[in-house]
Protein backbone atom coordinates (compact mmCIF):
# COMPACT_ATOMS: atom_id res chain seq x y z
CA MET A 1 -7.96 19.10 23.13
CA ARG A 2 -9.03 16.52 20.78
CA PRO A 3 -8.43 17.01 16.94
CA SER A 4 -12.19 17.10 16.40
CA GLU A 5 -12.55 20.03 18.85
CA ARG A 6 -9.60 21.84 17.28
CA PHE A 7 -11.15 21.35 13.90
CA THR A 8 -14.29 23.13 15.01
CA GLU A 9 -12.36 25.74 16.79
CA LEU A 10 -10.42 26.62 13.53
CA THR A 11 -13.48 26.28 11.08
CA ASN A 12 -16.83 26.43 12.87
CA GLN A 13 -17.55 23.14 10.91
CA THR A 14 -18.77 19.92 12.58
CA GLY A 15 -18.59 17.44 9.86
CA LEU A 16 -16.60 15.78 7.08
CA PHE A 17 -17.89 14.50 3.73
CA ASN A 18 -18.03 11.77 1.32
CA ILE A 19 -19.64 12.15 -2.19
CA GLN A 20 -21.30 8.74 -2.77
CA ALA A 21 -23.55 7.10 -5.36
CA ILE A 22 -26.89 6.46 -3.74
CA ASN A 23 -26.81 2.69 -5.14
CA ASN A 24 -23.82 2.09 -2.61
CA ILE A 25 -25.62 3.27 0.53
CA PRO A 26 -26.96 -0.20 1.49
CA SER A 27 -23.40 -1.44 1.40
CA ILE A 28 -22.18 1.51 3.51
CA MET A 29 -25.09 0.98 6.09
CA ASN A 30 -23.86 -2.73 6.33
CA LYS A 31 -19.94 -2.62 6.07
CA GLY A 32 -19.04 1.09 6.65
CA LEU A 33 -17.29 3.40 4.24
CA LEU A 34 -14.45 1.31 2.69
CA SER A 35 -11.20 2.12 1.31
CA ASN A 36 -10.92 1.62 -2.41
CA GLU A 37 -8.97 -1.58 -1.96
CA LYS A 38 -11.60 -3.15 0.24
CA ALA A 39 -14.51 -1.86 -1.88
CA GLN A 40 -12.96 -3.84 -4.85
CA ASN A 41 -14.12 -6.90 -3.22
CA ILE A 42 -17.85 -6.07 -3.29
CA SER A 43 -20.31 -4.92 -5.97
CA HIS A 44 -20.58 -1.16 -6.05
CA THR A 45 -21.00 1.79 -8.36
CA SER A 46 -17.89 4.04 -8.76
CA ILE A 47 -18.09 7.66 -9.32
CA ALA A 48 -14.40 8.06 -9.18
CA MET A 49 -12.50 9.50 -12.14
CA ASN A 50 -10.44 6.70 -13.65
CA GLU A 51 -7.40 9.03 -14.32
CA VAL A 52 -7.31 10.05 -10.64
CA GLN A 53 -7.55 6.59 -9.46
CA VAL A 54 -4.67 5.55 -11.52
CA ARG A 55 -2.61 8.39 -9.77
CA ARG A 56 -3.93 7.36 -6.29
CA ASP A 57 -2.97 3.58 -6.91
CA HIS A 58 0.75 4.57 -6.85
CA VAL A 59 0.75 6.74 -3.69
CA ARG A 60 1.96 5.59 -0.32
CA ILE A 61 1.58 7.61 2.83
CA PRO A 62 4.93 8.14 4.51
CA ASN A 63 5.18 5.96 7.55
CA GLY A 64 1.71 4.73 6.52
CA LEU A 65 -0.41 2.65 4.12
CA ARG A 66 -0.96 2.89 0.37
CA LEU A 67 -3.42 5.46 -0.40
CA HIS A 68 -5.91 3.16 -1.47
CA GLN A 69 -5.91 1.44 1.66
CA TYR A 70 -7.64 4.41 3.26
CA ALA A 71 -11.34 5.50 3.25
CA ASN A 72 -11.36 9.20 2.47
CA LEU A 73 -13.43 12.14 3.40
CA TYR A 74 -13.24 15.69 2.31
CA PHE A 75 -13.34 18.97 4.42
CA ASP A 76 -15.60 20.48 1.85
CA PRO A 77 -17.69 18.50 -0.66
CA TRP A 78 -18.25 21.67 -2.84
CA ASN A 79 -15.23 20.76 -4.76
CA PRO A 80 -13.76 19.79 -8.25
CA MET A 81 -14.93 16.14 -7.75
CA LEU A 82 -18.61 17.21 -7.22
CA SER A 83 -18.40 19.69 -10.10
CA ARG A 84 -17.20 16.97 -12.64
CA ARG A 85 -20.17 14.69 -11.45
CA ARG A 86 -22.77 17.30 -11.81
CA SER A 87 -24.49 15.44 -14.63
CA GLN A 88 -25.21 12.79 -12.08
CA ASN A 89 -26.50 14.89 -9.29
CA GLU A 90 -29.78 12.85 -8.91
CA GLU A 91 -27.69 9.66 -8.63
CA ILE A 92 -25.39 10.98 -5.85
CA CYS A 93 -25.79 12.06 -2.25
CA ILE A 94 -23.25 13.85 0.06
CA LEU A 95 -22.63 12.01 3.27
CA LYS A 96 -21.92 14.02 6.25
CA PHE A 97 -19.59 12.18 8.94
CA ASP A 98 -19.31 13.27 12.40
CA ARG A 99 -16.20 15.29 13.25
CA SER A 100 -14.99 12.66 15.78
CA VAL A 101 -13.72 10.69 12.73
CA LEU A 102 -10.75 12.82 13.23
CA ASP A 103 -10.03 11.12 16.60
CA MET A 104 -9.82 7.67 15.23
CA LYS A 105 -6.61 5.73 15.31
CA GLY A 106 -4.30 6.12 12.34
CA VAL A 107 -5.90 8.98 10.74
CA ILE A 108 -3.92 11.02 8.17
CA ILE A 109 -4.76 14.48 6.88
CA SER A 110 -3.64 15.64 3.51
CA ASP A 111 -3.34 19.28 2.96
CA ARG A 112 -4.64 19.07 -0.68
CA ASN A 113 -5.83 16.30 -2.84
CA ALA A 114 -3.97 13.28 -1.55
CA SER A 115 -2.87 12.10 -5.00
CA SER A 116 -1.16 15.50 -5.69
CA ASP A 117 2.58 15.53 -6.29
CA TYR A 118 2.75 18.45 -3.90
CA ALA A 119 0.40 16.87 -1.09
CA ALA A 120 1.78 16.88 2.51
CA PHE A 121 0.55 14.33 4.92
CA TYR A 122 0.26 15.00 8.70
CA THR A 123 -1.25 13.43 11.79
CA PRO A 124 -4.46 15.37 12.62
CA GLU A 125 -2.98 17.29 15.48
CA VAL A 126 -0.39 18.67 12.98
CA GLY A 127 -2.31 18.75 9.89
CA LEU A 128 -5.11 20.91 11.18
CA GLU A 129 -2.46 23.62 11.83
CA ASN A 130 -1.01 23.26 8.36
CA ILE A 131 -4.21 23.56 6.05
CA ASP A 132 -5.33 26.64 4.39
CA PHE A 133 -9.00 26.28 5.40
CA ASP A 134 -9.66 29.78 3.74
CA LEU A 135 -9.06 27.91 0.50
CA VAL A 136 -10.52 24.81 1.37
CA TYR A 137 -13.89 26.42 2.19
CA ALA A 138 -13.67 29.10 -0.61
CA ARG A 139 -16.75 29.04 -2.84
CA TYR A 140 -14.63 29.10 -6.02
CA TRP A 141 -11.17 28.23 -6.90
CA LEU A 142 -10.67 29.93 -10.20
CA ASP A 143 -7.87 32.20 -10.86
CA GLU A 144 -6.47 34.31 -13.74
CA ASP A 145 -3.04 32.49 -13.06
CA TYR A 146 -3.20 28.97 -14.27
CA PHE A 147 -0.84 27.58 -11.81
CA GLU A 148 -2.33 29.44 -8.96
CA GLN A 149 -5.79 27.97 -10.04
CA CYS A 150 -4.30 24.44 -9.87
CA ARG A 151 -3.01 25.09 -6.46
CA LYS A 152 -6.37 26.31 -5.16
CA LYS A 153 -8.25 23.42 -7.07
CA SER A 154 -5.97 20.78 -5.30
CA ILE A 155 -6.25 22.50 -1.76
CA LYS A 156 -10.07 22.46 -2.22
CA CYS A 157 -9.77 18.76 -1.95
CA ALA A 158 -7.77 18.36 1.18
CA GLU A 159 -8.77 15.00 2.83
CA VAL A 160 -9.11 13.00 6.03
CA LEU A 161 -7.69 9.54 5.41
CA VAL A 162 -8.90 6.72 7.68
CA PRO A 163 -7.37 3.22 7.56
CA TYR A 164 -9.55 0.65 5.76
CA VAL A 165 -13.04 1.69 6.96
CA ILE A 166 -15.14 4.23 8.80
CA PRO A 167 -18.06 2.70 10.58
CA TYR A 168 -21.56 3.71 9.39
CA GLU A 169 -22.36 4.99 13.04
CA TYR A 170 -20.18 8.16 12.19
CA VAL A 171 -22.73 9.13 9.47
CA VAL A 172 -24.88 12.15 10.64
CA CYS A 173 -27.05 12.78 7.56
CA ALA A 174 -27.13 13.03 3.74
CA ALA A 175 -27.61 15.77 1.46
CA VAL A 176 -29.24 15.23 -2.05
CA VAL A 177 -30.02 17.71 -4.97
CA ASN A 178 -33.89 17.41 -5.20
CA ILE A 179 -36.95 15.23 -4.19
CA ASN A 180 -36.37 12.51 -6.58
CA ALA A 181 -32.84 11.88 -5.17
CA ALA A 182 -34.37 11.88 -1.76
CA LYS A 183 -36.90 9.43 -2.64
CA GLY A 184 -34.36 7.27 -4.09
CA LEU A 185 -32.27 7.41 -0.87
CA GLU A 186 -35.36 6.54 1.18
CA ASN A 187 -36.38 3.65 -0.94
CA ILE A 188 -33.10 2.02 -0.37
CA GLY A 189 -33.40 2.13 3.32
CA PHE A 190 -31.22 5.04 4.43
CA ASP A 191 -31.98 5.68 8.20
CA ARG A 192 -30.50 9.04 8.74
CA ARG A 193 -31.82 12.46 8.12
CA ILE A 194 -32.02 13.53 4.47
CA VAL A 195 -31.56 17.20 3.48
CA ILE A 196 -32.74 18.56 0.09
CA GLU A 197 -30.13 21.16 -0.59
CA PRO A 198 -29.53 21.98 -4.21
CA ARG A 199 -27.14 24.82 -3.26
CA LEU A 200 -24.53 22.25 -2.23
CA PHE A 201 -24.52 20.89 -5.73
CA PHE A 202 -23.48 22.40 -8.98
């Protein structure tokens, strides 16, 4: 069974997600979703948190590349990163990528935020069996115990890491918060289905 098929069997999900500035969509349509390292060479709008990027810059995947050499997707976009960017809801979209990304060569799965000191990294075949998908897809990550909340928050951000670039052909659709964001996405030439779904945003 392919990792993509096992993923759906375990989760009933069919896609993986990237939270992206609408301004960057033309570049993604032209060049694909790039790793942080490759994106540095082109003009783009970053919605990443600087302190997180500093941490990620120092992570090397065991037997793999540096973390910033991977393009990254989330299993669930309803996560702490999206929450931190709620003031920019009209300027961002959630790109859905086909599950077959999991079958690409060199893909790595992290069982939580890949910059976490506690993150474990796996091949897709092994990683899918080691992720707590109940916590990944939980609506909320709050907990009365601070350390348990930190653990849940990190697991919500489990990632799929793809070396260097994910071709645009894997993009299925995009979700936006309202009609204004949809028009912005249409106006820059996005050629996939656009879903207005405010419940996906904070």
